[in-house]
Amino acid sequence: MPKRYVEIMDTTLRDGEQTSGVSFSASEKLTIAQLLLQEVKVDRLEIASARVSEGEFQAVKKITDWAQTTGFLEKIEVLTFVDGEASVNWMLKAGARVMNLLTKGSLNHLTYQLKKTPRQHFEDIARVIALASSHGISTNVYLEDWSNGMRNSPGYVFECLDFLSTQPIRRVLLPDTLGVLTPAESYAFVKAIVDRYPDQHFDFHAHNDYDLSIANVLEAVRAGAHGLHLTVNGMGERAGNAPLASTIAVLNDFVPDVETSVVEQSLYSVSKIVETFSGIRIPANKPIVGENVFTQTAGIHADGDKKNNLYCSHLMPERFGRQRLYALGKTSGKANIENNLRELGITLSDDDLKKVTQRIIELGDRKEVVTPEDLPYIISDVLDSNTIEEKVLILNYVLTHANNLKPSATLQLKIGDAVFEENAQGDGQYDAFMNALKKIYAKQQISLPMLTDYAVRIPPGGRTDALCETIITWNIQGKEVKTRGLDSDQAVSAIKATQKMLNLLNQTPEPTSKPWPEKPELV
């Protein structure tokens, strides 16, 4: 049995731009329009409202000029008004050829906003449609507040639809303007209309005020709706519109007798572009396009994925141009870490894997965010630490830095069973720490080795809370020795590297061959 085709009209550039604080430039609108038509392959685009501003006019002109040369002009739509010749003239100047005429879909709106009778309103509509048609502009008709109209004045809605069935229009657009419908109502209202007017094309336009937009869309399609209005990332006024990515996933997975033209693999890329242009950040847990939705956090889930994909559904990330990730943190198990190591091409022994797992759990307990890019640094630090027997412990320290005052450090150090405490100033926090350490060792008549290199690394694309690896090269009795420290704080990672150096020294009263210089070399 052939599948029923459902048109997808994207209204990100019109209704989506009504998101508070969002205003796309003309160039941004053109870029989004090109992506949606050429890559995502939606059927139609609603790109603006007529007569809003000069900037809106220029944006529409830019898009229609491009659409004219690429054969997409009939897919470009503009919201217009029952305002005599004004909207039609605006459309002609802008080069647009399809208008979505906003009319009243509830008796309440008609009576209290327009203060007209149904007959007067219908006559006004007919004149605008005729004028548009005479200029080669085709018309779709919005029934504003249609959902409340069906609830409270269905007689008027059907009277309006009877009138529209006599007009030369392409489609009737049924908006849940205030996002008030339940799924049961969406089905019942759309079904009643589709059954009564079998030759007319009806689009359903959902808003998300009760977080029911996807459920309502699903029921509208089940009832026979021929088209849907969606926005990238669910952008729109108040709580937004039905989101494009989620709707397409739901239709593809749960409505087997329906098909659309949308390319799933392009949904994530257009989502990120719109996020960048709009400045409206996508929630990490937003279905399909959120950063976390294909990330397994619990170790048991990662283990299950290894054992016949026990925690996978049809909602596979590859469908949307994404990949499954395994988060690293306090709930990580060996399976999570093994999956990340496999991506990096690293194999560890069971013993070392346990040690790395424990370190990641410790970092997670401190609420550190651990990324796959951090893993090589963690491995290096853990395996390096395993080779050093800790006889010297830095028990406590306080580092201070104030404007126009020299940094200072107070240090408490344990050597064997003895505990020492000193404070000192320096050119930086680590310099002050080393000066305090130098005082402690001077009292033991031990010279510290010379620092010959100091390097700091963070993972590529590291954030401000990224793990920081400090690698310090020391000259210990004529040999170069490197020690590493790992922490999200640079000064702390340097101190950890220094503690490793202290444990490499022979704890004897004889001085090393090289004294500690007056000021360590810092980078």
Protein backbone atom coordinates (compact mmCIF):
# COMPACT_ATOMS: atom_id res chain seq x y z
CA MET A 1 0.00 0.00 0.00
CA PRO A 2 1.51 3.40 -0.97
CA LYS A 3 2.43 5.76 1.84
CA ARG A 4 0.55 9.02 2.37
CA TYR A 5 2.76 12.06 1.75
CA VAL A 6 2.73 14.82 4.41
CA GLU A 7 4.11 18.24 3.48
CA ILE A 8 6.53 19.92 5.87
CA MET A 9 6.41 23.70 6.02
CA ASP A 10 9.18 25.23 8.14
CA THR A 11 8.31 28.55 9.75
CA THR A 12 11.54 29.18 11.71
CA LEU A 13 12.16 32.43 9.82
CA ARG A 14 8.66 33.79 10.50
CA ASP A 15 6.98 32.25 13.55
CA GLY A 16 10.30 31.06 15.01
CA GLU A 17 11.72 34.57 14.83
CA GLN A 18 8.97 35.63 17.22
CA THR A 19 11.05 33.99 19.96
CA SER A 20 11.80 36.74 22.47
CA GLY A 21 15.10 38.47 21.70
CA VAL A 22 15.64 36.84 18.29
CA SER A 23 16.16 38.79 15.09
CA PHE A 24 17.93 37.20 12.13
CA SER A 25 19.88 39.38 9.71
CA ALA A 26 19.07 39.20 5.99
CA SER A 27 22.20 37.11 5.35
CA GLU A 28 21.39 34.75 8.22
CA LYS A 29 17.85 34.28 6.91
CA LEU A 30 19.18 33.46 3.45
CA THR A 31 21.67 30.93 4.86
CA ILE A 32 18.98 29.17 6.93
CA ALA A 33 16.57 29.18 3.96
CA GLN A 34 19.20 27.60 1.71
CA LEU A 35 20.00 24.90 4.28
CA LEU A 36 16.36 24.05 4.89
CA LEU A 37 15.48 23.75 1.21
CA GLN A 38 18.67 22.25 -0.19
CA GLU A 39 19.99 20.10 2.67
CA VAL A 40 17.05 19.34 4.96
CA LYS A 41 14.69 19.35 1.96
CA VAL A 42 11.53 20.68 3.59
CA ASP A 43 8.67 21.28 1.15
CA ARG A 44 7.98 24.94 1.92
CA LEU A 45 9.33 27.87 3.94
CA GLU A 46 7.40 30.65 5.63
CA ILE A 47 10.06 33.35 5.83
CA ALA A 48 8.47 36.58 7.10
CA SER A 49 5.43 38.72 7.83
CA ALA A 50 4.55 41.40 5.28
CA ARG A 51 4.91 45.09 6.14
CA VAL A 52 6.93 44.54 9.34
CA SER A 53 10.05 46.60 8.62
CA GLU A 54 12.50 47.65 5.94
CA GLY A 55 14.96 45.06 7.22
CA GLU A 56 12.34 42.33 6.84
CA PHE A 57 11.63 43.51 3.31
CA GLN A 58 15.34 43.32 2.39
CA ALA A 59 15.60 39.81 3.87
CA VAL A 60 12.62 38.60 1.86
CA LYS A 61 13.97 40.22 -1.31
CA LYS A 62 17.34 38.49 -0.78
CA ILE A 63 15.66 35.10 -0.41
CA THR A 64 13.22 35.53 -3.31
CA ASP A 65 16.04 36.66 -5.65
CA TRP A 66 17.96 33.48 -4.77
CA ALA A 67 14.83 31.30 -4.98
CA GLN A 68 13.97 32.69 -8.40
CA THR A 69 17.32 31.58 -9.82
CA THR A 70 17.22 28.12 -8.19
CA GLY A 71 13.60 27.17 -8.91
CA PHE A 72 12.45 27.44 -5.28
CA LEU A 73 10.23 30.52 -5.54
CA GLU A 74 6.95 28.57 -5.23
CA LYS A 75 8.25 27.13 -1.94
CA ILE A 76 8.70 30.58 -0.36
CA GLU A 77 5.72 31.87 1.64
CA VAL A 78 4.96 35.13 3.47
CA LEU A 79 2.34 35.86 6.13
CA THR A 80 -0.06 38.58 4.94
CA PHE A 81 -3.11 40.37 6.30
CA VAL A 82 -6.66 41.25 5.27
CA ASP A 83 -5.67 44.86 4.60
CA GLY A 84 -6.93 45.74 1.13
CA GLU A 85 -4.04 46.24 -1.30
CA ALA A 86 -1.26 46.85 1.25
CA SER A 87 0.05 43.27 1.76
CA VAL A 88 -0.35 42.33 -1.91
CA ASN A 89 1.64 45.39 -3.03
CA TRP A 90 4.34 44.54 -0.47
CA MET A 91 4.50 40.98 -1.83
CA LEU A 92 4.89 42.23 -5.39
CA LYS A 93 7.78 44.55 -4.48
CA ALA A 94 9.48 41.78 -2.46
CA GLY A 95 9.20 39.30 -5.32
CA ALA A 96 7.20 36.72 -3.32
CA ARG A 97 4.54 34.62 -5.03
CA VAL A 98 2.79 32.68 -2.23
CA MET A 99 0.94 34.40 0.60
CA ASN A 100 -0.42 32.91 3.82
CA LEU A 101 -3.40 35.16 4.53
CA LEU A 102 -4.21 35.61 8.22
CA THR A 103 -7.95 35.49 8.85
CA LYS A 104 -10.08 34.98 11.97
CA GLY A 105 -10.72 31.36 12.93
CA SER A 106 -12.85 32.00 16.02
CA LEU A 107 -15.99 34.04 16.54
CA ASN A 108 -14.39 35.51 19.65
CA HIS A 109 -11.51 37.05 17.66
CA LEU A 110 -13.83 38.21 14.90
CA THR A 111 -16.28 39.89 17.28
CA TYR A 112 -13.87 41.56 19.69
CA GLN A 113 -10.82 42.28 17.54
CA LEU A 114 -12.29 43.09 14.12
CA LYS A 115 -15.79 44.00 15.35
CA LYS A 116 -17.25 42.63 12.10
CA THR A 117 -19.84 40.08 11.10
CA PRO A 118 -18.77 36.84 9.42
CA ARG A 119 -20.21 38.06 6.11
CA GLN A 120 -18.25 41.33 6.26
CA HIS A 121 -15.03 39.46 7.04
CA PHE A 122 -15.58 36.96 4.22
CA GLU A 123 -16.14 39.77 1.73
CA ASP A 124 -12.87 41.42 2.79
CA ILE A 125 -11.02 38.11 2.44
CA ALA A 126 -12.48 37.47 -1.01
CA ARG A 127 -11.30 40.87 -2.25
CA VAL A 128 -7.70 40.27 -1.08
CA ILE A 129 -7.62 36.76 -2.61
CA ALA A 130 -8.97 38.09 -5.93
CA LEU A 131 -6.43 40.91 -5.99
CA ALA A 132 -3.56 38.52 -5.25
CA SER A 133 -4.76 36.10 -7.92
CA SER A 134 -4.92 38.89 -10.52
CA HIS A 135 -1.21 39.55 -9.88
CA GLY A 136 -0.17 35.89 -10.07
CA ILE A 137 0.10 35.43 -6.29
CA SER A 138 -1.34 32.20 -4.89
CA THR A 139 -3.00 32.06 -1.48
CA ASN A 140 -3.07 29.82 1.57
CA VAL A 141 -5.40 30.88 4.40
CA TYR A 142 -4.67 30.83 8.13
CA LEU A 143 -7.65 30.52 10.52
CA GLU A 144 -6.17 32.34 13.50
CA ASP A 145 -7.30 30.94 16.89
CA TRP A 146 -8.88 28.00 15.05
CA SER A 147 -8.43 25.68 18.07
CA ASN A 148 -10.54 27.91 20.32
CA GLY A 149 -12.94 28.38 17.43
CA MET A 150 -13.54 24.62 17.28
CA ARG A 151 -14.02 24.50 21.04
CA ASN A 152 -16.32 27.49 21.42
CA SER A 153 -17.77 28.41 18.02
CA PRO A 154 -17.57 25.42 15.66
CA GLY A 155 -20.53 26.72 13.68
CA TYR A 156 -18.54 29.79 12.71
CA VAL A 157 -15.48 27.70 11.78
CA PHE A 158 -17.53 25.54 9.40
CA GLU A 159 -19.23 28.63 7.97
CA CYS A 160 -15.77 30.03 7.29
CA LEU A 161 -14.61 26.77 5.68
CA ASP A 162 -17.75 26.64 3.53
CA PHE A 163 -16.88 30.11 2.26
CA LEU A 164 -13.21 29.20 1.65
CA SER A 165 -14.24 26.15 -0.36
CA THR A 166 -15.58 28.61 -2.95
CA GLN A 167 -12.30 30.53 -3.18
CA PRO A 168 -9.24 29.88 -5.43
CA ILE A 169 -6.87 28.93 -2.61
CA ARG A 170 -4.26 26.17 -2.26
CA ARG A 171 -4.39 25.28 1.42
CA VAL A 172 -6.19 26.02 4.69
CA LEU A 173 -3.85 26.38 7.67
CA LEU A 174 -5.21 25.29 11.06
CA PRO A 175 -3.22 26.86 13.93
CA ASP A 176 -3.48 26.04 17.61
CA THR A 177 -2.58 29.70 18.13
CA LEU A 178 -2.39 29.59 21.94
CA GLY A 179 -1.17 26.01 22.26
CA VAL A 180 -4.29 24.90 24.17
CA LEU A 181 -5.29 21.69 22.42
CA THR A 182 -5.11 18.21 23.91
CA PRO A 183 -4.14 15.27 21.68
CA ALA A 184 -7.74 13.98 21.74
CA GLU A 185 -9.06 17.37 20.58
CA SER A 186 -6.38 17.64 17.89
CA TYR A 187 -7.52 14.33 16.44
CA ALA A 188 -11.25 15.04 16.72
CA PHE A 189 -11.11 18.58 15.29
CA VAL A 190 -8.84 17.73 12.35
CA LYS A 191 -10.79 14.54 11.57
CA ALA A 192 -14.10 16.39 11.49
CA ILE A 193 -12.73 18.95 9.04
CA VAL A 194 -10.84 16.54 6.77
CA ASP A 195 -13.92 14.28 6.50
CA ARG A 196 -16.21 17.20 5.67
CA TYR A 197 -13.90 18.76 3.06
CA PRO A 198 -12.14 15.77 1.40
CA ASP A 199 -10.87 17.79 -1.57
CA GLN A 200 -9.20 20.53 0.46
CA HIS A 201 -5.58 20.51 1.72
CA PHE A 202 -5.26 21.19 5.47
CA ASP A 203 -2.04 22.05 7.38
CA PHE A 204 -1.78 21.71 11.16
CA HIS A 205 0.22 24.33 13.11
CA ALA A 206 0.99 23.36 16.74
CA HIS A 207 2.29 25.47 19.63
CA ASN A 208 3.94 23.98 22.71
CA ASP A 209 2.48 25.88 25.67
CA TYR A 210 1.51 22.66 27.48
CA ASP A 211 4.44 20.67 26.06
CA LEU A 212 1.93 18.76 23.92
CA SER A 213 2.98 19.95 20.46
CA ILE A 214 4.50 16.63 19.32
CA ALA A 215 1.56 14.61 20.68
CA ASN A 216 -0.87 16.98 18.96
CA VAL A 217 1.04 16.77 15.67
CA LEU A 218 0.97 12.97 15.84
CA GLU A 219 -2.79 12.97 16.36
CA ALA A 220 -3.40 15.56 13.63
CA VAL A 221 -1.48 13.41 11.14
CA ARG A 222 -3.40 10.33 12.27
CA ALA A 223 -6.62 12.28 11.65
CA GLY A 224 -5.57 13.04 8.08
CA ALA A 225 -3.75 16.40 8.13
CA HIS A 226 -1.96 16.94 4.82
CA GLY A 227 0.79 19.24 6.07
CA LEU A 228 2.60 20.36 9.23
CA HIS A 229 4.16 23.65 10.32
CA LEU A 230 7.40 23.18 12.30
CA THR A 231 10.40 25.19 13.48
CA VAL A 232 14.06 24.35 13.99
CA ASN A 233 14.73 23.77 17.72
CA GLY A 234 11.03 24.40 18.42
CA MET A 235 11.59 28.15 18.29
CA GLY A 236 8.56 30.43 18.47
CA GLU A 237 6.54 32.77 20.64
CA ARG A 238 6.06 31.86 24.31
CA ALA A 239 6.89 28.12 24.64
CA GLY A 240 7.57 27.82 20.93
CA ASN A 241 6.28 25.63 18.11
CA ALA A 242 6.44 21.93 17.35
CA PRO A 243 10.15 21.16 16.77
CA LEU A 244 11.24 19.96 13.35
CA ALA A 245 13.73 17.27 14.43
CA SER A 246 11.51 15.56 17.00
CA THR A 247 8.47 15.61 14.73
CA ILE A 248 10.34 13.96 11.86
CA ALA A 249 11.76 11.27 14.17
CA VAL A 250 8.30 10.55 15.59
CA LEU A 251 6.68 10.33 12.14
CA ASN A 252 9.41 8.07 10.77
CA ASP A 253 9.31 5.71 13.76
CA PHE A 254 5.63 5.65 14.75
CA VAL A 255 3.56 6.43 11.64
CA PRO A 256 4.62 3.81 9.10
CA ASP A 257 2.00 4.75 6.50
CA VAL A 258 3.27 8.36 6.23
CA GLU A 259 6.37 9.77 4.54
CA THR A 260 8.02 13.19 4.26
CA SER A 261 10.85 14.64 2.16
CA VAL A 262 13.01 15.63 5.15
CA VAL A 263 16.60 14.31 5.33
CA GLU A 264 17.20 13.19 8.92
CA GLN A 265 21.01 13.43 8.69
CA SER A 266 20.79 17.19 8.07
CA LEU A 267 18.65 18.00 11.10
CA TYR A 268 21.50 18.35 13.61
CA SER A 269 23.62 20.64 11.45
CA VAL A 270 20.77 23.06 10.74
CA SER A 271 19.89 22.98 14.44
CA LYS A 272 23.41 24.12 15.38
CA ILE A 273 23.38 26.88 12.74
CA VAL A 274 20.07 28.22 14.03
CA GLU A 275 21.36 27.99 17.62
CA THR A 276 24.37 30.12 16.62
CA PHE A 277 22.41 32.71 14.63
CA SER A 278 19.58 33.03 17.17
CA GLY A 279 21.70 33.02 20.32
CA ILE A 280 19.11 30.71 21.89
CA ARG A 281 21.02 27.79 23.38
CA ILE A 282 19.66 24.30 22.82
CA PRO A 283 19.00 22.54 26.16
CA ALA A 284 21.45 19.67 26.62
CA ASN A 285 18.55 17.23 27.10
CA LYS A 286 16.50 18.36 24.08
CA PRO A 287 15.49 15.28 22.08
CA ILE A 288 17.42 14.53 18.87
CA VAL A 289 19.58 17.69 18.84
CA GLY A 290 20.58 18.18 22.51
CA GLU A 291 24.22 17.48 23.42
CA ASN A 292 23.35 14.78 25.98
CA VAL A 293 20.64 12.79 24.22
CA PHE A 294 23.00 10.21 22.70
CA THR A 295 25.34 10.07 25.70
CA GLN A 296 25.30 7.09 28.05
CA THR A 297 26.38 8.10 31.55
CA ALA A 298 25.77 5.05 33.71
CA GLY A 299 28.37 2.33 33.41
CA ILE A 300 25.66 -0.37 33.37
CA HIS A 301 24.23 1.14 30.18
CA ALA A 302 27.61 1.15 28.46
CA ASP A 303 28.08 -2.47 29.52
CA GLY A 304 24.66 -3.31 28.10
CA ASP A 305 25.54 -1.67 24.79
CA LYS A 306 28.50 -4.06 24.53
CA LYS A 307 26.17 -7.00 25.16
CA ASN A 308 23.85 -7.00 22.16
CA ASN A 309 22.95 -3.25 22.33
CA LEU A 310 20.65 -3.76 25.33
CA TYR A 311 20.22 -0.03 25.91
CA CYS A 312 19.78 1.08 22.27
CA SER A 313 16.49 1.94 20.56
CA HIS A 314 15.53 2.76 16.97
CA LEU A 315 16.56 6.32 17.83
CA MET A 316 20.14 5.78 16.69
CA PRO A 317 22.44 8.82 16.59
CA GLU A 318 23.82 7.96 13.15
CA ARG A 319 20.40 8.73 11.65
CA PHE A 320 20.92 12.38 12.54
CA GLY A 321 24.59 12.70 11.67
CA ARG A 322 25.66 12.14 15.27
CA GLN A 323 27.42 9.45 17.31
CA ARG A 324 26.85 7.74 20.64
CA LEU A 325 29.09 8.99 23.45
CA TYR A 326 29.94 7.53 26.83
CA ALA A 327 30.21 10.11 29.60
CA LEU A 328 33.06 10.01 32.10
CA GLY A 329 32.31 10.77 35.73
CA LYS A 330 31.46 9.26 39.06
CA THR A 331 28.88 6.84 37.59
CA SER A 332 31.30 5.65 34.91
CA GLY A 333 32.15 1.99 34.89
CA LYS A 334 34.89 0.13 33.07
CA ALA A 335 32.66 -0.28 30.00
CA ASN A 336 32.20 3.51 29.65
CA ILE A 337 35.93 4.07 29.85
CA GLU A 338 36.75 1.17 27.54
CA ASN A 339 34.40 2.61 24.89
CA ASN A 340 36.15 5.97 25.08
CA LEU A 341 39.60 4.38 25.02
CA ARG A 342 38.62 2.35 21.96
CA GLU A 343 37.69 5.58 20.15
CA LEU A 344 41.16 6.93 20.98
CA GLY A 345 42.90 3.70 19.94
CA ILE A 346 44.20 3.01 23.49
CA THR A 347 44.28 -0.39 25.21
CA LEU A 348 45.04 -0.84 28.92
CA SER A 349 45.59 -3.87 31.08
CA ASP A 350 42.81 -4.76 33.52
CA ASP A 351 44.95 -3.50 36.41
CA ASP A 352 45.64 -0.15 34.80
CA LEU A 353 42.02 0.17 33.66
CA LYS A 354 40.88 -0.22 37.26
CA LYS A 355 43.27 2.51 38.39
CA VAL A 356 42.13 4.90 35.64
CA THR A 357 38.47 4.13 36.44
CA GLN A 358 39.07 4.95 40.11
CA ARG A 359 40.73 8.27 39.22
CA ILE A 360 37.80 9.25 36.98
CA ILE A 361 35.34 8.39 39.75
CA GLU A 362 37.37 10.55 42.16
CA LEU A 363 37.26 13.46 39.71
CA GLY A 364 33.49 12.93 39.28
CA ASP A 365 32.98 13.07 43.04
CA ARG A 366 34.64 16.50 42.98
CA LYS A 367 32.09 17.45 40.26
CA GLU A 368 34.83 17.68 37.63
CA VAL A 369 33.61 17.31 34.05
CA VAL A 370 35.81 14.69 32.42
CA THR A 371 35.89 14.56 28.62
CA PRO A 372 37.31 11.89 26.29
CA GLU A 373 40.05 14.38 25.40
CA ASP A 374 41.15 14.36 29.07
CA LEU A 375 41.70 10.60 29.07
CA PRO A 376 45.30 10.49 27.76
CA TYR A 377 46.31 13.00 30.45
CA ILE A 378 44.58 11.01 33.18
CA ILE A 379 46.22 7.78 32.01
CA SER A 380 49.64 9.40 31.90
CA ASP A 381 49.20 10.83 35.39
CA VAL A 382 47.86 7.60 36.91
CA LEU A 383 50.54 5.35 35.42
CA ASP A 384 53.28 7.86 36.27
CA SER A 385 52.06 8.02 39.89
CA ASN A 386 52.12 4.23 40.23
CA THR A 387 55.90 4.13 39.78
CA ILE A 388 56.61 6.51 42.67
CA GLU A 389 56.61 5.49 46.33
CA GLU A 390 55.21 8.39 48.33
CA LYS A 391 57.36 9.15 51.37
CA VAL A 392 56.86 12.91 51.04
CA LEU A 393 53.34 14.32 51.23
CA ILE A 394 52.17 17.89 50.76
CA LEU A 395 49.55 17.95 53.50
CA ASN A 396 48.16 21.45 53.11
CA TYR A 397 48.87 24.72 51.38
CA VAL A 398 47.34 28.17 50.99
CA LEU A 399 48.09 30.23 47.90
CA THR A 400 47.13 33.92 47.83
CA HIS A 401 47.19 36.50 45.07
CA ALA A 402 46.05 40.12 45.44
CA ASN A 403 46.34 43.20 43.23
CA ASN A 404 49.57 45.15 43.84
CA LEU A 405 50.74 42.63 46.49
CA LYS A 406 53.28 39.85 46.01
CA PRO A 407 51.75 36.37 45.86
CA SER A 408 52.37 34.27 48.97
CA ALA A 409 52.16 30.63 50.00
CA THR A 410 51.91 28.77 53.29
CA LEU A 411 52.93 25.13 53.05
CA GLN A 412 52.64 22.12 55.36
CA LEU A 413 54.85 19.19 54.32
CA LYS A 414 55.31 15.68 55.74
CA ILE A 415 58.69 13.94 55.26
CA GLY A 416 58.58 10.50 56.78
CA ASP A 417 56.99 11.02 60.18
CA ALA A 418 58.01 14.68 60.55
CA VAL A 419 55.72 17.59 59.61
CA PHE A 420 57.11 20.98 58.57
CA GLU A 421 55.44 24.32 57.87
CA GLU A 422 56.76 27.45 56.14
CA ASN A 423 55.49 30.47 54.26
CA ALA A 424 57.09 32.64 51.60
CA GLN A 425 56.43 35.17 48.86
CA GLY A 426 57.26 34.94 45.17
CA ASP A 427 56.73 36.34 41.70
CA GLY A 428 53.73 34.06 41.24
CA GLN A 429 51.76 31.55 43.28
CA TYR A 430 53.88 28.60 42.23
CA ASP A 431 57.07 30.62 42.75
CA ALA A 432 55.90 31.47 46.29
CA PHE A 433 55.12 27.78 46.89
CA MET A 434 58.61 26.77 45.74
CA ASN A 435 60.23 29.41 47.95
CA ALA A 436 58.36 28.01 50.99
CA LEU A 437 59.40 24.49 50.00
CA LYS A 438 62.99 25.65 49.60
CA LYS A 439 62.96 26.97 53.18
CA ILE A 440 61.82 23.59 54.53
CA TYR A 441 64.52 21.67 52.66
CA ALA A 442 67.22 24.21 53.52
CA LYS A 443 66.59 23.44 57.20
CA GLN A 444 67.20 19.77 56.36
CA GLN A 445 70.40 20.82 54.56
CA ILE A 446 69.04 19.41 51.32
CA SER A 447 69.24 21.33 48.03
CA LEU A 448 66.38 20.92 45.64
CA PRO A 449 67.05 20.05 41.99
CA MET A 450 67.05 22.64 39.24
CA LEU A 451 63.83 23.18 37.28
CA THR A 452 64.85 23.17 33.59
CA ASP A 453 61.45 23.22 31.84
CA TYR A 454 57.84 23.88 32.77
CA ALA A 455 55.05 23.08 30.27
CA VAL A 456 51.28 23.27 30.59
CA ARG A 457 48.81 21.44 28.34
CA ILE A 458 45.04 21.21 28.16
CA PRO A 459 43.00 18.98 25.84
CA PRO A 460 42.14 20.39 22.37
CA GLY A 461 39.10 22.65 22.60
CA GLY A 462 39.51 22.69 26.37
CA ARG A 463 37.06 24.67 28.47
CA THR A 464 37.84 26.89 31.44
CA ASP A 465 37.22 23.85 33.70
CA ALA A 466 39.32 21.51 31.53
CA LEU A 467 41.86 19.25 33.16
CA CYS A 468 45.30 20.82 33.03
CA GLU A 469 48.49 18.76 32.74
CA THR A 470 51.68 20.36 34.01
CA ILE A 471 54.94 18.66 32.98
CA ILE A 472 58.04 19.83 34.85
CA THR A 473 61.55 18.80 33.86
CA TRP A 474 64.10 18.62 36.69
CA ASN A 475 67.85 18.08 36.75
CA ILE A 476 68.32 15.45 39.46
CA GLN A 477 71.98 14.59 40.02
CA GLY A 478 72.83 15.39 36.41
CA LYS A 479 69.89 13.51 34.88
CA GLU A 480 66.78 15.02 33.32
CA VAL A 481 63.60 13.76 34.98
CA LYS A 482 60.03 14.69 34.04
CA THR A 483 57.13 14.64 36.49
CA ARG A 484 53.48 15.27 35.68
CA GLY A 485 50.60 16.72 37.65
CA LEU A 486 46.92 16.75 36.64
CA ASP A 487 44.18 19.00 37.95
CA SER A 488 41.65 21.54 36.69
CA ASP A 489 43.70 24.25 38.45
CA GLN A 490 47.10 24.98 36.89
CA ALA A 491 48.83 25.86 40.15
CA VAL A 492 47.54 22.67 41.79
CA SER A 493 48.68 20.50 38.88
CA ALA A 494 52.18 22.05 39.19
CA ILE A 495 52.22 21.28 42.93
CA LYS A 496 51.25 17.66 42.24
CA ALA A 497 54.10 17.37 39.73
CA THR A 498 56.45 18.82 42.34
CA GLN A 499 55.37 16.30 44.99
CA LYS A 500 56.32 13.50 42.59
CA MET A 501 59.76 15.07 42.19
CA LEU A 502 60.23 15.24 45.98
CA ASN A 503 59.49 11.52 46.24
CA LEU A 504 62.09 10.75 43.59
CA LEU A 505 64.86 12.34 45.66
CA ASN A 506 66.89 10.28 48.07
CA GLN A 507 65.78 11.42 51.50
CA THR A 508 69.30 11.79 52.88
CA PRO A 509 71.12 14.79 54.41
CA GLU A 510 73.63 14.87 51.51
CA PRO A 511 72.90 17.72 49.11
CA THR A 512 72.27 17.02 45.44
CA SER A 513 74.89 18.07 42.92
CA LYS A 514 72.89 21.08 41.73
CA PRO A 515 71.50 23.71 44.14
CA TRP A 516 68.04 25.19 43.63
CA PRO A 517 68.34 28.54 41.80
CA GLU A 518 67.17 31.77 43.38
CA LYS A 519 64.10 31.87 41.12
CA PRO A 520 62.72 28.81 39.33
CA GLU A 521 62.16 29.18 35.63
CA LEU A 522 58.44 29.54 35.02
CA VAL A 523 56.40 29.63 31.86
